[in-house]
PDB file of N, CA and C in Angstrom:
ATOM      1  N   MET A   1       3.136  -1.212   8.313  1.00  0.00           N
ATOM      2  CA  MET A   1       3.595  -2.375   9.043  1.00  0.00           C
ATOM      3  C   MET A   1       4.215  -3.351   8.047  1.00  0.00           C
ATOM      4  N   SER A   2       5.345  -3.884   8.368  1.00  0.00           N
ATOM      5  CA  SER A   2       6.033  -4.814   7.479  1.00  0.00           C
ATOM      6  C   SER A   2       5.432  -6.199   7.589  1.00  0.00           C
ATOM      7  N   PRO A   3       5.380  -6.933   6.473  1.00  0.00           N
ATOM      8  CA  PRO A   3       4.868  -8.301   6.539  1.00  0.00           C
ATOM      9  C   PRO A   3       5.820  -9.181   7.335  1.00  0.00           C
ATOM     10  N   SER A   4       5.299 -10.234   7.900  1.00  0.00           N
ATOM     11  CA  SER A   4       6.150 -11.157   8.639  1.00  0.00           C
ATOM     12  C   SER A   4       6.003 -12.543   8.043  1.00  0.00           C
ATOM     13  N   CYS A   5       6.954 -13.395   8.316  1.00  0.00           N
ATOM     14  CA  CYS A   5       6.866 -14.758   7.843  1.00  0.00           C
ATOM     15  C   CYS A   5       7.519 -15.670   8.860  1.00  0.00           C
ATOM     16  N   ALA A   6       7.162 -16.907   8.808  1.00  0.00           N
ATOM     17  CA  ALA A   6       7.747 -17.895   9.703  1.00  0.00           C
ATOM     18  C   ALA A   6       8.852 -18.623   8.967  1.00  0.00           C
ATOM     19  N   VAL A   7       9.940 -18.848   9.642  1.00  0.00           N
ATOM     20  CA  VAL A   7      11.056 -19.589   9.064  1.00  0.00           C
ATOM     21  C   VAL A   7      11.171 -20.888   9.830  1.00  0.00           C
ATOM     22  N   ARG A   8      11.178 -21.968   9.105  1.00  0.00           N
ATOM     23  CA  ARG A   8      11.266 -23.284   9.727  1.00  0.00           C
ATOM     24  C   ARG A   8      12.610 -23.895   9.385  1.00  0.00           C
ATOM     25  N   GLU A   9      13.353 -24.264  10.393  1.00  0.00           N
ATOM     26  CA  GLU A   9      14.662 -24.846  10.171  1.00  0.00           C
ATOM     27  C   GLU A   9      14.596 -26.349  10.338  1.00  0.00           C
ATOM     28  N   ALA A  10      15.428 -27.044   9.595  1.00  0.00           N
ATOM     29  CA  ALA A  10      15.498 -28.495   9.703  1.00  0.00           C
ATOM     30  C   ALA A  10      16.072 -28.865  11.074  1.00  0.00           C
ATOM     31  N   PRO A  11      15.631 -29.990  11.624  1.00  0.00           N
ATOM     32  CA  PRO A  11      16.189 -30.416  12.902  1.00  0.00           C
ATOM     33  C   PRO A  11      17.708 -30.549  12.804  1.00  0.00           C
ATOM     34  N   ASN A  12      18.392 -30.129  13.821  1.00  0.00           N
ATOM     35  CA  ASN A  12      19.857 -30.198  13.916  1.00  0.00           C
ATOM     36  C   ASN A  12      20.590 -29.316  12.902  1.00  0.00           C
ATOM     37  N   ALA A  13      19.876 -28.457  12.183  1.00  0.00           N
ATOM     38  CA  ALA A  13      20.520 -27.552  11.234  1.00  0.00           C
ATOM     39  C   ALA A  13      21.134 -26.385  12.008  1.00  0.00           C
ATOM     40  N   PRO A  14      22.247 -25.841  11.504  1.00  0.00           N
ATOM     41  CA  PRO A  14      22.819 -24.673  12.173  1.00  0.00           C
ATOM     42  C   PRO A  14      21.881 -23.485  12.031  1.00  0.00           C
ATOM     43  N   ARG A  15      21.873 -22.654  13.039  1.00  0.00           N
ATOM     44  CA  ARG A  15      21.014 -21.461  12.975  1.00  0.00           C
ATOM     45  C   ARG A  15      21.572 -20.499  11.942  1.00  0.00           C
ATOM     46  N   THR A  16      20.696 -19.989  11.094  1.00  0.00           N
ATOM     47  CA  THR A  16      21.123 -19.057  10.057  1.00  0.00           C
ATOM     48  C   THR A  16      20.598 -17.649  10.280  1.00  0.00           C
ATOM     49  N   ALA A  17      19.660 -17.490  11.225  1.00  0.00           N
ATOM     50  CA  ALA A  17      19.108 -16.168  11.493  1.00  0.00           C
ATOM     51  C   ALA A  17      18.572 -16.132  12.914  1.00  0.00           C
ATOM     52  N   ALA A  18      18.468 -14.928  13.437  1.00  0.00           N
ATOM     53  CA  ALA A  18      17.923 -14.738  14.773  1.00  0.00           C
ATOM     54  C   ALA A  18      16.977 -13.551  14.735  1.00  0.00           C
ATOM     55  N   SER A  19      15.889 -13.632  15.448  1.00  0.00           N
ATOM     56  CA  SER A  19      14.958 -12.511  15.488  1.00  0.00           C
ATOM     57  C   SER A  19      15.083 -11.815  16.827  1.00  0.00           C
ATOM     58  N   SER A  20      14.720 -10.559  16.826  1.00  0.00           N
ATOM     59  CA  SER A  20      14.751  -9.766  18.046  1.00  0.00           C
ATOM     60  C   SER A  20      13.704  -8.673  17.917  1.00  0.00           C
ATOM     61  N   PRO A  21      13.358  -8.018  19.020  1.00  0.00           N
ATOM     62  CA  PRO A  21      12.389  -6.914  18.908  1.00  0.00           C
ATOM     63  C   PRO A  21      12.893  -5.898  17.888  1.00  0.00           C
ATOM     64  N   ARG A  22      11.978  -5.330  17.146  1.00  0.00           N
ATOM     65  CA  ARG A  22      12.361  -4.436  16.046  1.00  0.00           C
ATOM     66  C   ARG A  22      12.304  -2.971  16.468  1.00  0.00           C
ATOM     67  N   PRO A  23      13.470  -2.370  16.685  1.00  0.00           N
ATOM     68  CA  PRO A  23      13.466  -0.918  16.881  1.00  0.00           C
ATOM     69  C   PRO A  23      13.099  -0.247  15.562  1.00  0.00           C
ATOM     70  N   PRO A  24      12.427   0.879  15.588  1.00  0.00           N
ATOM     71  CA  PRO A  24      12.043   1.555  14.345  1.00  0.00           C
ATOM     72  C   PRO A  24      13.247   1.776  13.431  1.00  0.00           C
ATOM     73  N   GLY A  25      13.062   1.449  12.160  1.00  0.00           N
ATOM     74  CA  GLY A  25      14.089   1.683  11.164  1.00  0.00           C
ATOM     75  C   GLY A  25      15.148   0.610  11.060  1.00  0.00           C
ATOM     76  N   LEU A  26      15.073  -0.427  11.885  1.00  0.00           N
ATOM     77  CA  LEU A  26      16.063  -1.501  11.816  1.00  0.00           C
ATOM     78  C   LEU A  26      15.433  -2.764  11.254  1.00  0.00           C
ATOM     79  N   PRO A  27      16.257  -3.656  10.707  1.00  0.00           N
ATOM     80  CA  PRO A  27      15.710  -4.882  10.113  1.00  0.00           C
ATOM     81  C   PRO A  27      15.028  -5.779  11.137  1.00  0.00           C
ATOM     82  N   VAL A  28      14.084  -6.563  10.665  1.00  0.00           N
ATOM     83  CA  VAL A  28      13.353  -7.487  11.511  1.00  0.00           C
ATOM     84  C   VAL A  28      14.192  -8.719  11.808  1.00  0.00           C
ATOM     85  N   LEU A  29      15.049  -9.090  10.898  1.00  0.00           N
ATOM     86  CA  LEU A  29      15.803 -10.328  10.990  1.00  0.00           C
ATOM     87  C   LEU A  29      17.289 -10.025  10.876  1.00  0.00           C
ATOM     88  N   THR A  30      18.081 -10.668  11.703  1.00  0.00           N
ATOM     89  CA  THR A  30      19.526 -10.501  11.658  1.00  0.00           C
ATOM     90  C   THR A  30      20.149 -11.841  11.307  1.00  0.00           C
ATOM     91  N   LEU A  31      20.979 -11.857  10.276  1.00  0.00           N
ATOM     92  CA  LEU A  31      21.627 -13.100   9.876  1.00  0.00           C
ATOM     93  C   LEU A  31      22.780 -13.425  10.822  1.00  0.00           C
ATOM     94  N   THR A  32      22.923 -14.690  11.105  1.00  0.00           N
ATOM     95  CA  THR A  32      24.077 -15.162  11.861  1.00  0.00           C
ATOM     96  C   THR A  32      25.250 -15.288  10.882  1.00  0.00           C
ATOM     97  N   ALA A  33      26.416 -15.641  11.386  1.00  0.00           N
ATOM     98  CA  ALA A  33      27.572 -15.836  10.503  1.00  0.00           C
ATOM     99  C   ALA A  33      27.263 -16.909   9.459  1.00  0.00           C
ATOM    100  N   GLY A  34      26.631 -18.010   9.884  1.00  0.00           N
ATOM    101  CA  GLY A  34      26.258 -19.061   8.938  1.00  0.00           C
ATOM    102  C   GLY A  34      25.246 -18.580   7.920  1.00  0.00           C
ATOM    103  N   GLY A  35      24.324 -17.751   8.352  1.00  0.00           N
ATOM    104  CA  GLY A  35      23.331 -17.180   7.436  1.00  0.00           C
ATOM    105  C   GLY A  35      23.966 -16.255   6.420  1.00  0.00           C
ATOM    106  N   ARG A  36      24.936 -15.449   6.867  1.00  0.00           N
ATOM    107  CA  ARG A  36      25.642 -14.565   5.929  1.00  0.00           C
ATOM    108  C   ARG A  36      26.416 -15.375   4.902  1.00  0.00           C
ATOM    109  N   ASP A  37      27.047 -16.460   5.348  1.00  0.00           N
ATOM    110  CA  ASP A  37      27.770 -17.332   4.413  1.00  0.00           C
ATOM    111  C   ASP A  37      26.815 -17.938   3.388  1.00  0.00           C
ATOM    112  N   ALA A  38      25.691 -18.456   3.866  1.00  0.00           N
ATOM    113  CA  ALA A  38      24.708 -19.069   2.965  1.00  0.00           C
ATOM    114  C   ALA A  38      24.169 -18.038   1.973  1.00  0.00           C
ATOM    115  N   LEU A  39      23.858 -16.843   2.451  1.00  0.00           N
ATOM    116  CA  LEU A  39      23.353 -15.793   1.565  1.00  0.00           C
ATOM    117  C   LEU A  39      24.402 -15.414   0.525  1.00  0.00           C
ATOM    118  N   GLY A  40      25.654 -15.351   0.935  1.00  0.00           N
ATOM    119  CA  GLY A  40      26.720 -15.036  -0.010  1.00  0.00           C
ATOM    120  C   GLY A  40      26.816 -16.057  -1.125  1.00  0.00           C
ATOM    121  N   LYS A  41      26.676 -17.332  -0.781  1.00  0.00           N
ATOM    122  CA  LYS A  41      26.733 -18.386  -1.794  1.00  0.00           C
ATOM    123  C   LYS A  41      25.558 -18.283  -2.763  1.00  0.00           C
ATOM    124  N   VAL A  42      24.366 -18.092  -2.214  1.00  0.00           N
ATOM    125  CA  VAL A  42      23.171 -17.985  -3.053  1.00  0.00           C
ATOM    126  C   VAL A  42      23.270 -16.752  -3.947  1.00  0.00           C
ATOM    127  N   THR A  43      23.704 -15.645  -3.376  1.00  0.00           N
ATOM    128  CA  THR A  43      23.813 -14.406  -4.146  1.00  0.00           C
ATOM    129  C   THR A  43      24.834 -14.551  -5.264  1.00  0.00           C
ATOM    130  N   GLY A  44      25.953 -15.198  -4.982  1.00  0.00           N
ATOM    131  CA  GLY A  44      26.977 -15.412  -6.009  1.00  0.00           C
ATOM    132  C   GLY A  44      26.456 -16.237  -7.161  1.00  0.00           C
ATOM    133  N   ARG A  45      25.748 -17.311  -6.830  1.00  0.00           N
ATOM    134  CA  ARG A  45      25.182 -18.165  -7.891  1.00  0.00           C
ATOM    135  C   ARG A  45      24.120 -17.414  -8.688  1.00  0.00           C
ATOM    136  N   ALA A  46      23.298 -16.643  -7.987  1.00  0.00           N
ATOM    137  CA  ALA A  46      22.244 -15.886  -8.677  1.00  0.00           C
ATOM    138  C   ALA A  46      22.856 -14.844  -9.614  1.00  0.00           C
ATOM    139  N   THR A  47      23.904 -14.177  -9.164  1.00  0.00           N
ATOM    140  CA  THR A  47      24.569 -13.173  -9.999  1.00  0.00           C
ATOM    141  C   THR A  47      25.108 -13.805 -11.279  1.00  0.00           C
ATOM    142  N   GLU A  48      25.748 -14.964 -11.148  1.00  0.00           N
ATOM    143  CA  GLU A  48      26.265 -15.665 -12.327  1.00  0.00           C
ATOM    144  C   GLU A  48      25.133 -16.026 -13.285  1.00  0.00           C
ATOM    145  N   ARG A  49      24.067 -16.553 -12.737  1.00  0.00           N
ATOM    146  CA  ARG A  49      22.933 -16.977 -13.576  1.00  0.00           C
ATOM    147  C   ARG A  49      22.283 -15.786 -14.264  1.00  0.00           C
ATOM    148  N   HIS A  50      22.136 -14.676 -13.543  1.00  0.00           N
ATOM    149  CA  HIS A  50      21.544 -13.478 -14.144  1.00  0.00           C
ATOM    150  C   HIS A  50      22.395 -12.975 -15.300  1.00  0.00           C
ATOM    151  N   ARG A  51      23.708 -13.028 -15.133  1.00  0.00           N
ATOM    152  CA  ARG A  51      24.598 -12.600 -16.229  1.00  0.00           C
ATOM    153  C   ARG A  51      24.391 -13.461 -17.468  1.00  0.00           C
ATOM    154  N   GLU A  52      24.209 -14.765 -17.249  1.00  0.00           N
ATOM    155  CA  GLU A  52      23.971 -15.668 -18.383  1.00  0.00           C
ATOM    156  C   GLU A  52      22.626 -15.355 -19.044  1.00  0.00           C
ATOM    157  N   LEU A  53      21.587 -15.220 -18.231  1.00  0.00           N
ATOM    158  CA  LEU A  53      20.243 -15.011 -18.767  1.00  0.00           C
ATOM    159  C   LEU A  53      20.099 -13.688 -19.507  1.00  0.00           C
ATOM    160  N   PHE A  54      20.761 -12.652 -18.998  1.00  0.00           N
ATOM    161  CA  PHE A  54      20.562 -11.315 -19.549  1.00  0.00           C
ATOM    162  C   PHE A  54      21.759 -10.810 -20.339  1.00  0.00           C
ATOM    163  N   ALA A  55      22.573 -11.730 -20.828  1.00  0.00           N
ATOM    164  CA  ALA A  55      23.783 -11.344 -21.559  1.00  0.00           C
ATOM    165  C   ALA A  55      23.470 -10.470 -22.772  1.00  0.00           C
ATOM    166  N   ASP A  56      22.331 -10.668 -23.398  1.00  0.00           N
ATOM    167  CA  ASP A  56      21.984  -9.911 -24.598  1.00  0.00           C
ATOM    168  C   ASP A  56      21.227  -8.620 -24.304  1.00  0.00           C
ATOM    169  N   VAL A  57      20.923  -8.369 -23.034  1.00  0.00           N
ATOM    170  CA  VAL A  57      20.196  -7.152 -22.668  1.00  0.00           C
ATOM    171  C   VAL A  57      21.227  -6.068 -22.352  1.00  0.00           C
ATOM    172  N   PRO A  58      21.083  -4.889 -22.970  1.00  0.00           N
ATOM    173  CA  PRO A  58      22.047  -3.811 -22.715  1.00  0.00           C
ATOM    174  C   PRO A  58      22.124  -3.455 -21.221  1.00  0.00           C
ATOM    175  N   ASP A  59      23.332  -3.128 -20.755  1.00  0.00           N
ATOM    176  CA  ASP A  59      23.552  -2.788 -19.350  1.00  0.00           C
ATOM    177  C   ASP A  59      22.621  -1.680 -18.868  1.00  0.00           C
ATOM    178  N   GLU A  60      22.356  -0.702 -19.727  1.00  0.00           N
ATOM    179  CA  GLU A  60      21.485   0.416 -19.338  1.00  0.00           C
ATOM    180  C   GLU A  60      20.069  -0.073 -19.025  1.00  0.00           C
ATOM    181  N   GLU A  61      19.576  -1.037 -19.786  1.00  0.00           N
ATOM    182  CA  GLU A  61      18.242  -1.575 -19.539  1.00  0.00           C
ATOM    183  C   GLU A  61      18.200  -2.382 -18.248  1.00  0.00           C
ATOM    184  N   VAL A  62      19.242  -3.142 -17.985  1.00  0.00           N
ATOM    185  CA  VAL A  62      19.319  -3.906 -16.746  1.00  0.00           C
ATOM    186  C   VAL A  62      19.347  -2.944 -15.562  1.00  0.00           C
ATOM    187  N   ALA A  63      20.147  -1.886 -15.649  1.00  0.00           N
ATOM    188  CA  ALA A  63      20.229  -0.897 -14.571  1.00  0.00           C
ATOM    189  C   ALA A  63      18.882  -0.218 -14.349  1.00  0.00           C
ATOM    190  N   ALA A  64      18.187   0.116 -15.422  1.00  0.00           N
ATOM    191  CA  ALA A  64      16.873   0.756 -15.294  1.00  0.00           C
ATOM    192  C   ALA A  64      15.870  -0.190 -14.640  1.00  0.00           C
ATOM    193  N   ALA A  65      15.897  -1.455 -15.030  1.00  0.00           N
ATOM    194  CA  ALA A  65      14.978  -2.436 -14.441  1.00  0.00           C
ATOM    195  C   ALA A  65      15.271  -2.621 -12.950  1.00  0.00           C
ATOM    196  N   ARG A  66      16.533  -2.716 -12.587  1.00  0.00           N
ATOM    197  CA  ARG A  66      16.897  -2.870 -11.173  1.00  0.00           C
ATOM    198  C   ARG A  66      16.464  -1.660 -10.365  1.00  0.00           C
ATOM    199  N   SER A  67      16.657  -0.478 -10.924  1.00  0.00           N
ATOM    200  CA  SER A  67      16.258   0.751 -10.233  1.00  0.00           C
ATOM    201  C   SER A  67      14.751   0.767  -9.995  1.00  0.00           C
ATOM    202  N   LEU A  68      13.983   0.402 -11.015  1.00  0.00           N
ATOM    203  CA  LEU A  68      12.532   0.360 -10.874  1.00  0.00           C
ATOM    204  C   LEU A  68      12.108  -0.673  -9.830  1.00  0.00           C
ATOM    205  N   LEU A  69      12.678  -1.852  -9.880  1.00  0.00           N
ATOM    206  CA  LEU A  69      12.331  -2.890  -8.903  1.00  0.00           C
ATOM    207  C   LEU A  69      12.671  -2.452  -7.483  1.00  0.00           C
ATOM    208  N   ARG A  70      13.837  -1.839  -7.308  1.00  0.00           N
ATOM    209  CA  ARG A  70      14.226  -1.351  -5.986  1.00  0.00           C
ATOM    210  C   ARG A  70      13.200  -0.338  -5.477  1.00  0.00           C
ATOM    211  N   ARG A  71      12.781   0.562  -6.349  1.00  0.00           N
ATOM    212  CA  ARG A  71      11.790   1.581  -5.952  1.00  0.00           C
ATOM    213  C   ARG A  71      10.454   0.939  -5.599  1.00  0.00           C
ATOM    214  N   LEU A  72      10.026  -0.032  -6.404  1.00  0.00           N
ATOM    215  CA  LEU A  72       8.757  -0.715  -6.132  1.00  0.00           C
ATOM    216  C   LEU A  72       8.799  -1.457  -4.795  1.00  0.00           C
ATOM    217  N   LEU A  73       9.951  -1.998  -4.447  1.00  0.00           N
ATOM    218  CA  LEU A  73      10.075  -2.749  -3.199  1.00  0.00           C
ATOM    219  C   LEU A  73      10.206  -1.850  -1.974  1.00  0.00           C
ATOM    220  N   THR A  74      10.758  -0.656  -2.140  1.00  0.00           N
ATOM    221  CA  THR A  74      10.972   0.214  -0.983  1.00  0.00           C
ATOM    222  C   THR A  74       9.885   1.270  -0.800  1.00  0.00           C
ATOM    223  N   GLU A  75       9.118   1.540  -1.823  1.00  0.00           N
ATOM    224  CA  GLU A  75       8.116   2.604  -1.746  1.00  0.00           C
ATOM    225  C   GLU A  75       7.063   2.381  -0.654  1.00  0.00           C
ATOM    226  N   PRO A  76       6.509   1.185  -0.498  1.00  0.00           N
ATOM    227  CA  PRO A  76       5.500   1.016   0.570  1.00  0.00           C
ATOM    228  C   PRO A  76       6.042   1.377   1.956  1.00  0.00           C
ATOM    229  N   GLU A  77       7.259   0.969   2.258  1.00  0.00           N
ATOM    230  CA  GLU A  77       7.822   1.296   3.573  1.00  0.00           C
ATOM    231  C   GLU A  77       8.076   2.795   3.705  1.00  0.00           C
ATOM    232  N   ARG A  78       8.536   3.422   2.634  1.00  0.00           N
ATOM    233  CA  ARG A  78       8.758   4.870   2.661  1.00  0.00           C
ATOM    234  C   ARG A  78       7.452   5.602   2.926  1.00  0.00           C
ATOM    235  N   GLN A  79       6.373   5.137   2.285  1.00  0.00           N
ATOM    236  CA  GLN A  79       5.081   5.768   2.491  1.00  0.00           C
ATOM    237  C   GLN A  79       4.584   5.570   3.920  1.00  0.00           C
ATOM    238  N   GLU A  80       4.849   4.391   4.492  1.00  0.00           N
ATOM    239  CA  GLU A  80       4.455   4.152   5.885  1.00  0.00           C
ATOM    240  C   GLU A  80       5.179   5.100   6.819  1.00  0.00           C
ATOM    241  N   ARG A  81       6.480   5.291   6.591  1.00  0.00           N
ATOM    242  CA  ARG A  81       7.247   6.208   7.440  1.00  0.00           C
ATOM    243  C   ARG A  81       6.717   7.623   7.299  1.00  0.00           C
ATOM    244  N   THR A  82       6.431   8.034   6.055  1.00  0.00           N
ATOM    245  CA  THR A  82       5.917   9.370   5.806  1.00  0.00           C
ATOM    246  C   THR A  82       4.555   9.555   6.450  1.00  0.00           C
ATOM    247  N   ALA A  83       3.685   8.546   6.345  1.00  0.00           N
ATOM    248  CA  ALA A  83       2.350   8.634   6.946  1.00  0.00           C
ATOM    249  C   ALA A  83       2.443   8.753   8.469  1.00  0.00           C
ATOM    250  N   GLY A  84       3.419   8.118   9.064  1.00  0.00           N
ATOM    251  CA  GLY A  84       3.590   8.189  10.508  1.00  0.00           C
ATOM    252  C   GLY A  84       4.054   9.553  10.988  1.00  0.00           C
ATOM    253  N   LYS A  85       4.615  10.366  10.093  1.00  0.00           N
ATOM    254  CA  LYS A  85       5.108  11.697  10.448  1.00  0.00           C
ATOM    255  C   LYS A  85       4.051  12.777  10.253  1.00  0.00           C
ATOM    256  N   ARG A  86       2.918  12.432   9.678  1.00  0.00           N
ATOM    257  CA  ARG A  86       1.869  13.444   9.401  1.00  0.00           C
ATOM    258  C   ARG A  86       1.168  13.854  10.647  1.00  0.00           C
TER     259      ARG A  86
END
């Protein structure tokens, strides 16, 4: 089962995400156009900052770290899907 969280929006703020019933294998949250724009801005800034912070780290090490983090983040869900098929 995936963790859930509550999102609180400021009064009169544009909606950035919408929730809907979760069909198996689909995301829990869907970004609105405004949410996609906001995520793009945050992601762009984060990418720039990461390049600055890790400028001295070889590309191969950065790629290996990203691969490991991706696996660590996706493995629990993969195991849940596999357990459901047993």
